[in-house]
Amino acid sequence: SEVDDKNPNALAIGLGVSFGVLGLIIIIGGILFLQQRKSKAIPTPSLGTAGLENPTYDTK
């Protein structure tokens, strides 16, 4: 109880960190979800990695 009295914000900080982590997971999940939707729009998903490698060959 003494620790709780000394750190009344411990619970608030814990909740803030937990919600922050959940927020990051939701944001990252949303970005990955949008990328999957974009890749599905492409007829051949196998060209996804080739599309990332092509610009390097084009610059050379």
C-alpha atoms as a PDB file:
ATOM      1  CA  SER A   1       0.000   0.000   0.000  1.00  0.00           C
ATOM      2  CA  GLU A   2       2.957   2.319   0.692  1.00  0.00           C
ATOM      3  CA  VAL A   3       4.189   1.894  -2.879  1.00  0.00           C
ATOM      4  CA  ASP A   4       0.709   2.690  -4.189  1.00  0.00           C
ATOM      5  CA  ASP A   5       0.608   5.842  -2.067  1.00  0.00           C
ATOM      6  CA  LYS A   6       4.041   6.934  -3.316  1.00  0.00           C
ATOM      7  CA  ASN A   7       3.193   6.218  -6.973  1.00  0.00           C
ATOM      8  CA  PRO A   8      -0.488   7.091  -7.516  1.00  0.00           C
ATOM      9  CA  ASN A   9       0.212   7.421 -11.244  1.00  0.00           C
ATOM     10  CA  ALA A  10       1.687   3.920 -11.618  1.00  0.00           C
ATOM     11  CA  LEU A  11      -1.667   2.514 -12.750  1.00  0.00           C
ATOM     12  CA  ALA A  12      -2.236   5.433 -15.133  1.00  0.00           C
ATOM     13  CA  ILE A  13       1.257   5.018 -16.604  1.00  0.00           C
ATOM     14  CA  GLY A  14       0.693   1.277 -17.006  1.00  0.00           C
ATOM     15  CA  LEU A  15      -2.613   1.866 -18.776  1.00  0.00           C
ATOM     16  CA  GLY A  16      -1.023   4.532 -20.973  1.00  0.00           C
ATOM     17  CA  VAL A  17       1.788   2.210 -22.026  1.00  0.00           C
ATOM     18  CA  SER A  18      -0.618  -0.658 -22.692  1.00  0.00           C
ATOM     19  CA  PHE A  19      -2.912   1.547 -24.789  1.00  0.00           C
ATOM     20  CA  GLY A  20       0.110   2.981 -26.598  1.00  0.00           C
ATOM     21  CA  VAL A  21       1.313  -0.508 -27.524  1.00  0.00           C
ATOM     22  CA  LEU A  22      -2.194  -1.446 -28.661  1.00  0.00           C
ATOM     23  CA  GLY A  23      -2.299   1.729 -30.753  1.00  0.00           C
ATOM     24  CA  LEU A  24       1.004   0.860 -32.439  1.00  0.00           C
ATOM     25  CA  ILE A  25      -0.227  -2.685 -33.135  1.00  0.00           C
ATOM     26  CA  ILE A  26      -3.437  -1.308 -34.669  1.00  0.00           C
ATOM     27  CA  ILE A  27      -1.515   1.208 -36.815  1.00  0.00           C
ATOM     28  CA  ILE A  28       1.009  -1.398 -38.017  1.00  0.00           C
ATOM     29  CA  GLY A  29      -1.813  -3.884 -38.639  1.00  0.00           C
ATOM     30  CA  GLY A  30      -3.714  -1.284 -40.660  1.00  0.00           C
ATOM     31  CA  ILE A  31      -0.646  -0.488 -42.781  1.00  0.00           C
ATOM     32  CA  LEU A  32       0.012  -4.186 -43.435  1.00  0.00           C
ATOM     33  CA  PHE A  33      -3.689  -4.683 -44.232  1.00  0.00           C
ATOM     34  CA  LEU A  34      -3.617  -1.856 -46.788  1.00  0.00           C
ATOM     35  CA  GLN A  35      -0.433  -3.261 -48.341  1.00  0.00           C
ATOM     36  CA  GLN A  36      -2.085  -6.681 -48.650  1.00  0.00           C
ATOM     37  CA  ARG A  37      -5.109  -5.086 -50.355  1.00  0.00           C
ATOM     38  CA  LYS A  38      -2.812  -3.278 -52.808  1.00  0.00           C
ATOM     39  CA  SER A  39      -0.872  -6.476 -53.543  1.00  0.00           C
ATOM     40  CA  LYS A  40      -4.143  -8.345 -54.132  1.00  0.00           C
ATOM     41  CA  ALA A  41      -5.084  -5.701 -56.710  1.00  0.00           C
ATOM     42  CA  ILE A  42      -2.024  -6.808 -58.709  1.00  0.00           C
ATOM     43  CA  PRO A  43      -2.887  -9.886 -60.842  1.00  0.00           C
ATOM     44  CA  THR A  44       0.358 -11.673 -59.913  1.00  0.00           C
ATOM     45  CA  PRO A  45       1.408 -11.254 -56.244  1.00  0.00           C
ATOM     46  CA  SER A  46       4.773 -12.870 -57.075  1.00  0.00           C
ATOM     47  CA  LEU A  47       5.769  -9.628 -58.844  1.00  0.00           C
ATOM     48  CA  GLY A  48       5.549  -7.769 -55.516  1.00  0.00           C
ATOM     49  CA  THR A  49       9.160  -8.554 -54.601  1.00  0.00           C
ATOM     50  CA  ALA A  50      10.300  -8.055 -58.197  1.00  0.00           C
ATOM     51  CA  GLY A  51       8.588  -4.652 -58.218  1.00  0.00           C
ATOM     52  CA  LEU A  52      10.659  -3.637 -55.191  1.00  0.00           C
ATOM     53  CA  GLU A  53      13.867  -4.826 -56.873  1.00  0.00           C
ATOM     54  CA  ASN A  54      13.170  -3.306 -60.306  1.00  0.00           C
ATOM     55  CA  PRO A  55      13.796   0.354 -59.323  1.00  0.00           C
ATOM     56  CA  THR A  56      17.340  -0.543 -58.227  1.00  0.00           C
ATOM     57  CA  TYR A  57      18.028  -2.098 -61.620  1.00  0.00           C
ATOM     58  CA  ASP A  58      16.400   0.857 -63.391  1.00  0.00           C
ATOM     59  CA  THR A  59      18.675   3.361 -61.617  1.00  0.00           C
ATOM     60  CA  LYS A  60      21.706   1.327 -62.715  1.00  0.00           C
END
